[in-house]
Amino acid sequence: MIGSLVARHQVKQAFSQLNQKNLEGFLSGWHAQAVFQYPGQLSVSGTFTGRDAIQCWFAGFFERFPRIQFQLKHVCVENLFDLAGNNNVIAYWDVALTNREGRAVENTGTNLIKIRGRKVVEVQDFFFYPERLALGWNEAAPATRVPVAP
């Protein structure tokens, strides 16, 4: 149980750092070769490898959104008895953002988080309302394909 408490605390601290826009504090728990995946087909979507690339992505996120407020709702830990700092975690959250243009956007999402040796090695974001991502980033939404009958 101690291992799960440590992992849960680590995730809660990370979301607190995001809300404070404390990039250094947020990334302190990430491995140097960590991987971050952001969904969608926007200019900011993709897979970012290495703490430097991830730092650049989140610096852009902080710049794009002057107001960021995550509300962490649940943290689920796979291995309750982990003592080595190796675990898989799911964080479930709501987020309220306001972009530079003053547009407010809310979303709900989850992160799949892999922790190895007490360091985050991989994070993958999922959003319940992916269509809202383009609004927040002030980008045109990707065209949706309409199936054509044969």
C-alpha atoms as a PDB file:
ATOM      1  CA  MET A   1       0.000   0.000   0.000  1.00  0.00           C
ATOM      2  CA  ILE A   2       2.875   2.359   0.636  1.00  0.00           C
ATOM      3  CA  GLY A   3       3.881   2.194  -3.015  1.00  0.00           C
ATOM      4  CA  SER A   4       0.414   3.187  -4.141  1.00  0.00           C
ATOM      5  CA  LEU A   5       0.385   6.100  -1.699  1.00  0.00           C
ATOM      6  CA  VAL A   6       3.704   7.333  -3.088  1.00  0.00           C
ATOM      7  CA  ALA A   7       2.489   7.070  -6.701  1.00  0.00           C
ATOM      8  CA  ARG A   8      -0.799   8.828  -5.896  1.00  0.00           C
ATOM      9  CA  HIS A   9       1.057  11.604  -4.090  1.00  0.00           C
ATOM     10  CA  GLN A  10       3.440  12.028  -7.037  1.00  0.00           C
ATOM     11  CA  VAL A  11       0.520  12.428  -9.460  1.00  0.00           C
ATOM     12  CA  LYS A  12      -1.346  14.858  -7.180  1.00  0.00           C
ATOM     13  CA  GLN A  13       1.798  16.971  -6.857  1.00  0.00           C
ATOM     14  CA  ALA A  14       2.241  17.014 -10.635  1.00  0.00           C
ATOM     15  CA  PHE A  15      -1.281  18.374 -11.161  1.00  0.00           C
ATOM     16  CA  SER A  16      -0.696  20.980  -8.461  1.00  0.00           C
ATOM     17  CA  GLN A  17       2.464  22.073 -10.310  1.00  0.00           C
ATOM     18  CA  LEU A  18       0.489  22.297 -13.579  1.00  0.00           C
ATOM     19  CA  ASN A  19      -2.094  24.554 -11.935  1.00  0.00           C
ATOM     20  CA  GLN A  20       0.707  26.778 -10.639  1.00  0.00           C
ATOM     21  CA  LYS A  21       2.443  26.748 -14.037  1.00  0.00           C
ATOM     22  CA  ASN A  22       5.582  25.551 -12.288  1.00  0.00           C
ATOM     23  CA  LEU A  23       7.288  23.849 -15.210  1.00  0.00           C
ATOM     24  CA  GLU A  24      10.471  22.982 -13.320  1.00  0.00           C
ATOM     25  CA  GLY A  25       8.545  21.432 -10.445  1.00  0.00           C
ATOM     26  CA  PHE A  26       6.222  19.589 -12.818  1.00  0.00           C
ATOM     27  CA  LEU A  27       9.065  18.043 -14.811  1.00  0.00           C
ATOM     28  CA  SER A  28      11.236  17.183 -11.798  1.00  0.00           C
ATOM     29  CA  GLY A  29       9.513  13.810 -11.559  1.00  0.00           C
ATOM     30  CA  TRP A  30      10.048  12.927 -15.244  1.00  0.00           C
ATOM     31  CA  HIS A  31      12.789  10.676 -16.612  1.00  0.00           C
ATOM     32  CA  ALA A  32      15.229  12.355 -19.034  1.00  0.00           C
ATOM     33  CA  GLN A  33      13.992  10.112 -21.884  1.00  0.00           C
ATOM     34  CA  ALA A  34      10.285  10.217 -21.005  1.00  0.00           C
ATOM     35  CA  VAL A  35       7.610  10.162 -23.700  1.00  0.00           C
ATOM     36  CA  PHE A  36       4.506  12.386 -23.792  1.00  0.00           C
ATOM     37  CA  GLN A  37       1.644  11.791 -26.233  1.00  0.00           C
ATOM     38  CA  TYR A  38      -0.958  14.466 -26.979  1.00  0.00           C
ATOM     39  CA  PRO A  39      -3.932  13.391 -29.104  1.00  0.00           C
ATOM     40  CA  GLY A  40      -5.530  14.835 -32.175  1.00  0.00           C
ATOM     41  CA  GLN A  41      -4.468  16.253 -35.491  1.00  0.00           C
ATOM     42  CA  LEU A  42      -3.469  19.731 -34.363  1.00  0.00           C
ATOM     43  CA  SER A  43      -0.116  21.444 -34.701  1.00  0.00           C
ATOM     44  CA  VAL A  44       0.558  20.555 -31.042  1.00  0.00           C
ATOM     45  CA  SER A  45      -0.488  16.897 -31.353  1.00  0.00           C
ATOM     46  CA  GLY A  46       2.006  14.088 -31.441  1.00  0.00           C
ATOM     47  CA  THR A  47       4.602  12.153 -29.503  1.00  0.00           C
ATOM     48  CA  PHE A  48       7.315  14.111 -27.701  1.00  0.00           C
ATOM     49  CA  THR A  49      10.395  12.239 -26.524  1.00  0.00           C
ATOM     50  CA  GLY A  50      12.860  13.515 -23.939  1.00  0.00           C
ATOM     51  CA  ARG A  51      12.416  15.980 -21.113  1.00  0.00           C
ATOM     52  CA  ASP A  52      13.605  18.889 -23.303  1.00  0.00           C
ATOM     53  CA  ALA A  53      10.916  18.242 -25.935  1.00  0.00           C
ATOM     54  CA  ILE A  54       8.287  17.779 -23.228  1.00  0.00           C
ATOM     55  CA  GLN A  55       9.421  20.971 -21.501  1.00  0.00           C
ATOM     56  CA  CYS A  56       9.069  22.849 -24.782  1.00  0.00           C
ATOM     57  CA  TRP A  57       5.545  21.465 -25.288  1.00  0.00           C
ATOM     58  CA  PHE A  58       4.373  22.448 -21.800  1.00  0.00           C
ATOM     59  CA  ALA A  59       6.011  25.892 -22.041  1.00  0.00           C
ATOM     60  CA  GLY A  60       3.890  26.431 -25.160  1.00  0.00           C
ATOM     61  CA  PHE A  61       0.831  25.130 -23.299  1.00  0.00           C
ATOM     62  CA  PHE A  62       1.413  27.591 -20.453  1.00  0.00           C
ATOM     63  CA  GLU A  63       1.918  30.438 -22.917  1.00  0.00           C
ATOM     64  CA  ARG A  64      -1.188  29.540 -24.916  1.00  0.00           C
ATOM     65  CA  PHE A  65      -3.428  29.275 -21.842  1.00  0.00           C
ATOM     66  CA  PRO A  66      -3.009  32.065 -19.263  1.00  0.00           C
ATOM     67  CA  ARG A  67      -5.632  30.330 -17.093  1.00  0.00           C
ATOM     68  CA  ILE A  68      -5.227  26.622 -16.380  1.00  0.00           C
ATOM     69  CA  GLN A  69      -7.194  24.814 -13.695  1.00  0.00           C
ATOM     70  CA  PHE A  70      -7.090  21.043 -13.396  1.00  0.00           C
ATOM     71  CA  GLN A  71      -9.379  19.349 -10.899  1.00  0.00           C
ATOM     72  CA  LEU A  72      -8.046  15.892 -10.198  1.00  0.00           C
ATOM     73  CA  LYS A  73     -10.998  13.593  -9.508  1.00  0.00           C
ATOM     74  CA  HIS A  74      -9.492  10.109  -9.208  1.00  0.00           C
ATOM     75  CA  VAL A  75      -6.078   8.476  -9.232  1.00  0.00           C
ATOM     76  CA  CYS A  76      -6.013   4.713  -9.778  1.00  0.00           C
ATOM     77  CA  VAL A  77      -2.835   2.738  -9.172  1.00  0.00           C
ATOM     78  CA  GLU A  78      -2.238  -0.700 -10.674  1.00  0.00           C
ATOM     79  CA  ASN A  79       0.229  -2.189  -8.163  1.00  0.00           C
ATOM     80  CA  LEU A  80      -0.849  -1.391  -4.616  1.00  0.00           C
ATOM     81  CA  PHE A  81       2.165  -3.133  -3.120  1.00  0.00           C
ATOM     82  CA  ASP A  82       4.913  -1.622  -5.269  1.00  0.00           C
ATOM     83  CA  LEU A  83       7.995  -0.637  -3.288  1.00  0.00           C
ATOM     84  CA  ALA A  84      10.435  -0.123  -6.181  1.00  0.00           C
ATOM     85  CA  GLY A  85       8.662   2.884  -7.682  1.00  0.00           C
ATOM     86  CA  ASN A  86       7.421   0.992 -10.745  1.00  0.00           C
ATOM     87  CA  ASN A  87       3.736   1.471 -11.378  1.00  0.00           C
ATOM     88  CA  ASN A  88       1.026   2.289 -13.875  1.00  0.00           C
ATOM     89  CA  VAL A  89      -1.381   5.042 -12.905  1.00  0.00           C
ATOM     90  CA  ILE A  90      -4.573   6.466 -14.365  1.00  0.00           C
ATOM     91  CA  ALA A  91      -5.490  10.043 -13.495  1.00  0.00           C
ATOM     92  CA  TYR A  92      -9.064  11.199 -14.184  1.00  0.00           C
ATOM     93  CA  TRP A  93      -9.613  14.957 -14.235  1.00  0.00           C
ATOM     94  CA  ASP A  94     -11.589  17.986 -15.366  1.00  0.00           C
ATOM     95  CA  VAL A  95      -9.797  20.997 -16.799  1.00  0.00           C
ATOM     96  CA  ALA A  96     -10.906  24.596 -17.338  1.00  0.00           C
ATOM     97  CA  LEU A  97      -8.711  26.650 -19.650  1.00  0.00           C
ATOM     98  CA  THR A  98      -8.808  30.173 -21.005  1.00  0.00           C
ATOM     99  CA  ASN A  99      -6.660  30.845 -24.043  1.00  0.00           C
ATOM    100  CA  ARG A 100      -4.859  34.078 -24.981  1.00  0.00           C
ATOM    101  CA  GLU A 101      -7.869  35.211 -26.996  1.00  0.00           C
ATOM    102  CA  GLY A 102     -10.075  34.904 -23.911  1.00  0.00           C
ATOM    103  CA  ARG A 103     -11.960  31.789 -25.046  1.00  0.00           C
ATOM    104  CA  ALA A 104     -12.845  29.496 -22.162  1.00  0.00           C
ATOM    105  CA  VAL A 105     -12.794  25.759 -22.841  1.00  0.00           C
ATOM    106  CA  GLU A 106     -13.588  22.907 -20.485  1.00  0.00           C
ATOM    107  CA  ASN A 107     -12.819  19.251 -20.944  1.00  0.00           C
ATOM    108  CA  THR A 108     -12.596  15.981 -19.076  1.00  0.00           C
ATOM    109  CA  GLY A 109      -9.811  13.518 -19.576  1.00  0.00           C
ATOM    110  CA  THR A 110      -7.520  10.819 -18.356  1.00  0.00           C
ATOM    111  CA  ASN A 111      -3.794  10.224 -18.378  1.00  0.00           C
ATOM    112  CA  LEU A 112      -2.156   6.851 -18.586  1.00  0.00           C
ATOM    113  CA  ILE A 113       1.061   7.296 -16.636  1.00  0.00           C
ATOM    114  CA  LYS A 114       3.952   4.825 -16.479  1.00  0.00           C
ATOM    115  CA  ILE A 115       6.328   5.281 -13.561  1.00  0.00           C
ATOM    116  CA  ARG A 116       9.617   3.396 -13.421  1.00  0.00           C
ATOM    117  CA  GLY A 117      12.206   3.925 -10.715  1.00  0.00           C
ATOM    118  CA  ARG A 118       9.968   6.663  -9.233  1.00  0.00           C
ATOM    119  CA  LYS A 119      10.236   8.684 -12.469  1.00  0.00           C
ATOM    120  CA  VAL A 120       7.525   9.249 -15.058  1.00  0.00           C
ATOM    121  CA  VAL A 121       8.623   7.504 -18.249  1.00  0.00           C
ATOM    122  CA  GLU A 122       5.454   7.806 -20.329  1.00  0.00           C
ATOM    123  CA  VAL A 123       2.215   9.799 -20.318  1.00  0.00           C
ATOM    124  CA  GLN A 124      -0.600   9.492 -22.806  1.00  0.00           C
ATOM    125  CA  ASP A 125      -3.486  12.000 -22.759  1.00  0.00           C
ATOM    126  CA  PHE A 126      -7.097  11.112 -23.581  1.00  0.00           C
ATOM    127  CA  PHE A 127      -9.955  13.619 -23.811  1.00  0.00           C
ATOM    128  CA  PHE A 128     -13.686  12.956 -23.553  1.00  0.00           C
ATOM    129  CA  TYR A 129     -14.472  15.923 -25.826  1.00  0.00           C
ATOM    130  CA  PRO A 130     -11.682  15.872 -28.431  1.00  0.00           C
ATOM    131  CA  GLU A 131     -13.567  18.316 -30.645  1.00  0.00           C
ATOM    132  CA  ARG A 132     -12.925  21.016 -28.027  1.00  0.00           C
ATOM    133  CA  LEU A 133      -9.142  20.763 -28.408  1.00  0.00           C
ATOM    134  CA  ALA A 134      -9.122  22.794 -31.635  1.00  0.00           C
ATOM    135  CA  LEU A 135     -11.212  25.526 -29.970  1.00  0.00           C
ATOM    136  CA  GLY A 136      -8.757  25.956 -27.125  1.00  0.00           C
ATOM    137  CA  TRP A 137      -5.694  25.937 -29.351  1.00  0.00           C
ATOM    138  CA  ASN A 138      -7.516  28.293 -31.744  1.00  0.00           C
ATOM    139  CA  GLU A 139      -6.916  26.009 -34.708  1.00  0.00           C
ATOM    140  CA  ALA A 140      -9.289  24.859 -37.389  1.00  0.00           C
ATOM    141  CA  ALA A 141     -10.825  21.542 -36.479  1.00  0.00           C
ATOM    142  CA  PRO A 142      -9.635  18.681 -38.658  1.00  0.00           C
ATOM    143  CA  ALA A 143     -12.110  17.806 -41.378  1.00  0.00           C
ATOM    144  CA  THR A 144     -14.329  14.901 -40.508  1.00  0.00           C
ATOM    145  CA  ARG A 145     -14.807  12.204 -43.066  1.00  0.00           C
ATOM    146  CA  VAL A 146     -18.344  11.379 -43.972  1.00  0.00           C
ATOM    147  CA  PRO A 147     -18.748   7.796 -45.138  1.00  0.00           C
ATOM    148  CA  VAL A 148     -19.966   7.505 -48.693  1.00  0.00           C
ATOM    149  CA  ALA A 149     -22.311   4.674 -49.579  1.00  0.00           C
ATOM    150  CA  PRO A 150     -20.864   2.271 -52.169  1.00  0.00           C
END
